[in-house]
Amino acid sequence: MHKKNERPKKLYEILAAFCEIPQDVLAAIPVFTIRGQHEIEISGCTGILTYDSRCIVLAVGKENFCIRGESLLLSDFREGVLYVRGNIHSASFGTGGEEHD
């Protein structure tokens, strides 16, 4: 258990210690956590490039990451972690293969 004023370690801090890799190197790698068809958590997001209810394009590392679906929304964005919720149909690097309307 954590002491009252001690913050919990982030996953990359634990992995960096275990793998003996500098934290700043590991922290720069984007991490995607997909929860069913309705939520994606993106760690390492550096910006929002395009956003509407059908298409979200994000800057992650040196790449763009495209999420397509219906009723998409950005529910939270703190400390480089972004949550996308809605009816997610696809997620891919690049612009998703189609030009955004």
N, C-alpha and C. Protein backbone atom coordinates (compact mmCIF):
# COMPACT_ATOMS: atom_id res chain seq x y z
N MET A 1 0.85 -1.18 0.00
CA MET A 1 0.00 0.00 0.00
C MET A 1 0.89 1.24 0.00
N HIS A 2 0.39 2.31 -0.58
CA HIS A 2 1.16 3.54 -0.67
C HIS A 2 0.98 4.38 0.59
N LYS A 3 2.05 5.06 0.98
CA LYS A 3 1.93 6.01 2.07
C LYS A 3 1.07 7.17 1.60
N LYS A 4 0.54 7.93 2.53
CA LYS A 4 -0.43 8.97 2.21
C LYS A 4 0.08 9.98 1.17
N ASN A 5 1.30 10.44 1.26
CA ASN A 5 1.83 11.45 0.35
C ASN A 5 2.64 10.86 -0.80
N GLU A 6 2.69 9.55 -0.90
CA GLU A 6 3.47 8.89 -1.95
C GLU A 6 2.55 8.59 -3.13
N ARG A 7 2.96 9.00 -4.35
CA ARG A 7 2.12 8.74 -5.51
C ARG A 7 2.38 7.33 -6.03
N PRO A 8 1.36 6.69 -6.61
CA PRO A 8 1.57 5.35 -7.18
C PRO A 8 2.48 5.44 -8.39
N LYS A 9 3.29 4.41 -8.59
CA LYS A 9 4.20 4.41 -9.73
C LYS A 9 3.41 4.13 -11.00
N LYS A 10 3.83 4.81 -12.08
CA LYS A 10 3.22 4.57 -13.38
C LYS A 10 3.81 3.30 -13.97
N LEU A 11 3.07 2.70 -14.87
CA LEU A 11 3.49 1.45 -15.49
C LEU A 11 4.88 1.56 -16.10
N TYR A 12 5.16 2.67 -16.81
CA TYR A 12 6.48 2.79 -17.44
C TYR A 12 7.60 2.89 -16.42
N GLU A 13 7.32 3.42 -15.24
CA GLU A 13 8.35 3.48 -14.20
C GLU A 13 8.68 2.08 -13.70
N ILE A 14 7.65 1.25 -13.52
CA ILE A 14 7.86 -0.13 -13.07
C ILE A 14 8.61 -0.93 -14.14
N LEU A 15 8.16 -0.80 -15.40
CA LEU A 15 8.83 -1.51 -16.50
C LEU A 15 10.26 -1.05 -16.69
N ALA A 16 10.50 0.24 -16.57
CA ALA A 16 11.86 0.76 -16.73
C ALA A 16 12.79 0.18 -15.67
N ALA A 17 12.31 0.10 -14.44
CA ALA A 17 13.13 -0.47 -13.37
C ALA A 17 13.38 -1.95 -13.61
N PHE A 18 12.35 -2.68 -14.02
CA PHE A 18 12.47 -4.12 -14.26
C PHE A 18 13.40 -4.42 -15.43
N CYS A 19 13.28 -3.66 -16.51
CA CYS A 19 14.08 -3.90 -17.72
C CYS A 19 15.41 -3.15 -17.73
N GLU A 20 15.65 -2.35 -16.70
CA GLU A 20 16.86 -1.54 -16.60
C GLU A 20 17.02 -0.62 -17.80
N ILE A 21 15.91 0.05 -18.16
CA ILE A 21 15.87 1.02 -19.25
C ILE A 21 15.59 2.38 -18.63
N PRO A 22 16.24 3.45 -19.10
CA PRO A 22 15.94 4.78 -18.56
C PRO A 22 14.46 5.12 -18.72
N GLN A 23 13.86 5.70 -17.69
CA GLN A 23 12.44 6.02 -17.71
C GLN A 23 12.05 6.95 -18.85
N ASP A 24 12.90 7.93 -19.17
CA ASP A 24 12.55 8.87 -20.22
C ASP A 24 12.45 8.20 -21.59
N VAL A 25 13.24 7.14 -21.81
CA VAL A 25 13.16 6.41 -23.07
C VAL A 25 11.86 5.64 -23.13
N LEU A 26 11.53 4.94 -22.09
CA LEU A 26 10.31 4.14 -22.05
C LEU A 26 9.07 5.01 -22.02
N ALA A 27 9.13 6.15 -21.37
CA ALA A 27 7.97 7.04 -21.27
C ALA A 27 7.60 7.65 -22.62
N ALA A 28 8.54 7.72 -23.57
CA ALA A 28 8.29 8.30 -24.88
C ALA A 28 7.55 7.33 -25.81
N ILE A 29 7.42 6.08 -25.43
CA ILE A 29 6.74 5.08 -26.25
C ILE A 29 5.24 5.15 -25.96
N PRO A 30 4.42 5.42 -26.99
CA PRO A 30 2.98 5.46 -26.73
C PRO A 30 2.44 4.09 -26.34
N VAL A 31 1.46 4.08 -25.44
CA VAL A 31 0.83 2.84 -24.99
C VAL A 31 -0.68 2.99 -25.20
N PHE A 32 -1.28 1.99 -25.83
CA PHE A 32 -2.71 2.01 -26.12
C PHE A 32 -3.39 0.89 -25.33
N THR A 33 -4.43 1.24 -24.60
CA THR A 33 -5.21 0.27 -23.86
C THR A 33 -6.63 0.33 -24.40
N ILE A 34 -7.07 -0.77 -25.01
CA ILE A 34 -8.40 -0.82 -25.60
C ILE A 34 -9.31 -1.62 -24.69
N ARG A 35 -10.42 -1.03 -24.33
CA ARG A 35 -11.40 -1.69 -23.47
C ARG A 35 -12.68 -1.89 -24.26
N GLY A 36 -12.81 -3.08 -24.84
CA GLY A 36 -13.98 -3.38 -25.66
C GLY A 36 -14.04 -2.49 -26.89
N GLN A 37 -15.26 -2.19 -27.32
CA GLN A 37 -15.47 -1.33 -28.49
C GLN A 37 -15.78 0.10 -28.09
N HIS A 38 -15.67 0.42 -26.81
CA HIS A 38 -16.16 1.71 -26.36
C HIS A 38 -15.14 2.63 -25.69
N GLU A 39 -13.89 2.19 -25.52
CA GLU A 39 -12.92 3.08 -24.89
C GLU A 39 -11.50 2.71 -25.31
N ILE A 40 -10.71 3.75 -25.60
CA ILE A 40 -9.27 3.60 -25.83
C ILE A 40 -8.57 4.60 -24.93
N GLU A 41 -7.58 4.13 -24.19
CA GLU A 41 -6.72 4.99 -23.38
C GLU A 41 -5.40 5.09 -24.10
N ILE A 42 -4.94 6.31 -24.38
CA ILE A 42 -3.69 6.53 -25.10
C ILE A 42 -2.72 7.26 -24.18
N SER A 43 -1.64 6.60 -23.79
CA SER A 43 -0.58 7.24 -23.00
C SER A 43 0.49 7.69 -23.97
N GLY A 44 0.96 8.90 -23.83
CA GLY A 44 1.99 9.42 -24.72
C GLY A 44 1.42 10.28 -25.83
N CYS A 45 0.16 10.67 -25.71
CA CYS A 45 -0.46 11.55 -26.70
C CYS A 45 0.11 12.96 -26.52
N THR A 46 0.55 13.56 -27.64
CA THR A 46 1.14 14.89 -27.56
C THR A 46 0.26 15.97 -28.17
N GLY A 47 -0.84 15.56 -28.83
CA GLY A 47 -1.71 16.58 -29.40
C GLY A 47 -2.92 15.99 -30.10
N ILE A 48 -3.92 16.84 -30.27
CA ILE A 48 -5.14 16.48 -30.98
C ILE A 48 -5.11 17.21 -32.31
N LEU A 49 -5.06 16.46 -33.41
CA LEU A 49 -4.94 17.06 -34.74
C LEU A 49 -6.30 17.29 -35.39
N THR A 50 -7.21 16.33 -35.27
CA THR A 50 -8.55 16.43 -35.84
C THR A 50 -9.51 15.79 -34.84
N TYR A 51 -10.67 16.44 -34.67
CA TYR A 51 -11.61 15.90 -33.71
C TYR A 51 -13.04 16.21 -34.12
N ASP A 52 -13.81 15.18 -34.38
CA ASP A 52 -15.26 15.30 -34.48
C ASP A 52 -15.87 13.98 -34.03
N SER A 53 -17.17 13.83 -34.13
CA SER A 53 -17.83 12.66 -33.57
C SER A 53 -17.60 11.37 -34.36
N ARG A 54 -16.97 11.47 -35.57
CA ARG A 54 -16.72 10.28 -36.39
C ARG A 54 -15.24 9.98 -36.60
N CYS A 55 -14.36 10.95 -36.35
CA CYS A 55 -12.94 10.74 -36.60
C CYS A 55 -12.09 11.60 -35.65
N ILE A 56 -11.13 10.96 -35.01
CA ILE A 56 -10.18 11.67 -34.15
C ILE A 56 -8.79 11.27 -34.61
N VAL A 57 -7.96 12.26 -34.93
CA VAL A 57 -6.57 12.00 -35.30
C VAL A 57 -5.69 12.66 -34.24
N LEU A 58 -4.79 11.86 -33.67
CA LEU A 58 -3.94 12.30 -32.57
C LEU A 58 -2.47 12.23 -32.94
N ALA A 59 -1.67 13.08 -32.34
CA ALA A 59 -0.21 12.99 -32.45
C ALA A 59 0.27 12.12 -31.30
N VAL A 60 0.94 11.01 -31.64
CA VAL A 60 1.51 10.11 -30.63
C VAL A 60 2.92 9.78 -31.06
N GLY A 61 3.88 10.20 -30.26
CA GLY A 61 5.27 10.00 -30.66
C GLY A 61 5.53 10.72 -31.97
N LYS A 62 6.11 10.01 -32.93
CA LYS A 62 6.40 10.59 -34.24
C LYS A 62 5.34 10.23 -35.28
N GLU A 63 4.25 9.66 -34.85
CA GLU A 63 3.19 9.17 -35.74
C GLU A 63 1.87 9.87 -35.45
N ASN A 64 0.94 9.72 -36.40
CA ASN A 64 -0.45 10.10 -36.18
C ASN A 64 -1.22 8.82 -35.91
N PHE A 65 -2.24 8.91 -35.07
CA PHE A 65 -3.07 7.77 -34.72
C PHE A 65 -4.52 8.16 -34.96
N CYS A 66 -5.21 7.38 -35.79
CA CYS A 66 -6.57 7.71 -36.20
C CYS A 66 -7.57 6.74 -35.57
N ILE A 67 -8.62 7.30 -35.00
CA ILE A 67 -9.72 6.51 -34.43
C ILE A 67 -10.98 6.91 -35.18
N ARG A 68 -11.67 5.90 -35.72
CA ARG A 68 -12.92 6.16 -36.45
C ARG A 68 -14.06 5.42 -35.76
N GLY A 69 -15.25 6.03 -35.81
CA GLY A 69 -16.41 5.41 -35.20
C GLY A 69 -17.59 6.35 -35.20
N GLU A 70 -18.45 6.18 -34.23
CA GLU A 70 -19.65 7.01 -34.07
C GLU A 70 -19.72 7.51 -32.64
N SER A 71 -20.23 8.71 -32.49
CA SER A 71 -20.41 9.32 -31.16
C SER A 71 -19.10 9.36 -30.37
N LEU A 72 -17.98 9.61 -31.07
CA LEU A 72 -16.67 9.67 -30.40
C LEU A 72 -16.55 10.94 -29.59
N LEU A 73 -15.94 10.84 -28.44
CA LEU A 73 -15.66 12.02 -27.63
C LEU A 73 -14.39 11.82 -26.84
N LEU A 74 -13.74 12.92 -26.57
CA LEU A 74 -12.55 12.93 -25.72
C LEU A 74 -13.05 13.18 -24.31
N SER A 75 -12.88 12.20 -23.45
CA SER A 75 -13.47 12.34 -22.13
C SER A 75 -12.51 12.89 -21.08
N ASP A 76 -11.21 12.78 -21.32
CA ASP A 76 -10.24 13.26 -20.34
C ASP A 76 -8.88 13.36 -21.02
N PHE A 77 -8.09 14.36 -20.68
CA PHE A 77 -6.75 14.52 -21.23
C PHE A 77 -5.87 15.17 -20.18
N ARG A 78 -5.07 14.34 -19.50
CA ARG A 78 -4.17 14.84 -18.45
C ARG A 78 -2.84 14.13 -18.52
N GLU A 79 -1.78 14.85 -18.28
CA GLU A 79 -0.43 14.29 -18.18
C GLU A 79 -0.10 13.35 -19.33
N GLY A 80 -0.52 13.73 -20.56
CA GLY A 80 -0.20 12.92 -21.73
C GLY A 80 -1.04 11.67 -21.90
N VAL A 81 -2.10 11.52 -21.07
CA VAL A 81 -2.99 10.37 -21.19
C VAL A 81 -4.36 10.88 -21.65
N LEU A 82 -4.84 10.31 -22.76
CA LEU A 82 -6.10 10.73 -23.35
C LEU A 82 -7.06 9.55 -23.37
N TYR A 83 -8.32 9.80 -23.08
CA TYR A 83 -9.36 8.77 -23.14
C TYR A 83 -10.34 9.12 -24.25
N VAL A 84 -10.55 8.18 -25.16
CA VAL A 84 -11.53 8.33 -26.23
C VAL A 84 -12.64 7.33 -25.96
N ARG A 85 -13.88 7.82 -25.97
CA ARG A 85 -15.03 6.95 -25.74
C ARG A 85 -16.02 7.11 -26.88
N GLY A 86 -16.82 6.09 -27.10
CA GLY A 86 -17.84 6.10 -28.14
C GLY A 86 -17.94 4.72 -28.77
N ASN A 87 -18.57 4.63 -29.93
CA ASN A 87 -18.65 3.38 -30.68
C ASN A 87 -17.47 3.32 -31.63
N ILE A 88 -16.41 2.65 -31.22
CA ILE A 88 -15.16 2.63 -31.97
C ILE A 88 -15.21 1.52 -33.02
N HIS A 89 -14.99 1.91 -34.29
CA HIS A 89 -14.99 0.95 -35.39
C HIS A 89 -13.58 0.54 -35.78
N SER A 90 -12.63 1.49 -35.75
CA SER A 90 -11.25 1.17 -36.14
C SER A 90 -10.28 2.14 -35.49
N ALA A 91 -9.05 1.68 -35.37
CA ALA A 91 -7.96 2.50 -34.85
C ALA A 91 -6.70 2.09 -35.60
N SER A 92 -5.98 3.08 -36.14
CA SER A 92 -4.79 2.76 -36.94
C SER A 92 -3.83 3.93 -36.95
N PHE A 93 -2.60 3.63 -37.30
CA PHE A 93 -1.60 4.68 -37.47
C PHE A 93 -1.81 5.32 -38.83
N GLY A 94 -1.52 6.60 -38.95
CA GLY A 94 -1.75 7.34 -40.18
C GLY A 94 -3.06 8.09 -40.05
N THR A 95 -3.70 8.34 -41.19
CA THR A 95 -4.95 9.09 -41.18
C THR A 95 -6.16 8.18 -41.31
N GLY A 96 -5.95 6.88 -41.29
CA GLY A 96 -7.07 5.95 -41.36
C GLY A 96 -7.41 5.52 -42.76
N GLY A 97 -6.60 5.93 -43.77
CA GLY A 97 -6.80 5.50 -45.14
C GLY A 97 -7.82 6.30 -45.92
N GLU A 98 -8.60 7.12 -45.27
CA GLU A 98 -9.58 7.96 -45.95
C GLU A 98 -9.34 9.40 -45.56
N GLU A 99 -9.63 10.28 -46.47
CA GLU A 99 -9.52 11.69 -46.13
C GLU A 99 -10.66 12.06 -45.18
N HIS A 100 -10.37 12.91 -44.24
CA HIS A 100 -11.38 13.34 -43.27
C HIS A 100 -12.30 14.35 -43.93
N ASP A 101 -13.61 14.24 -43.69
CA ASP A 101 -14.60 15.18 -44.26
C ASP A 101 -14.52 16.51 -43.57
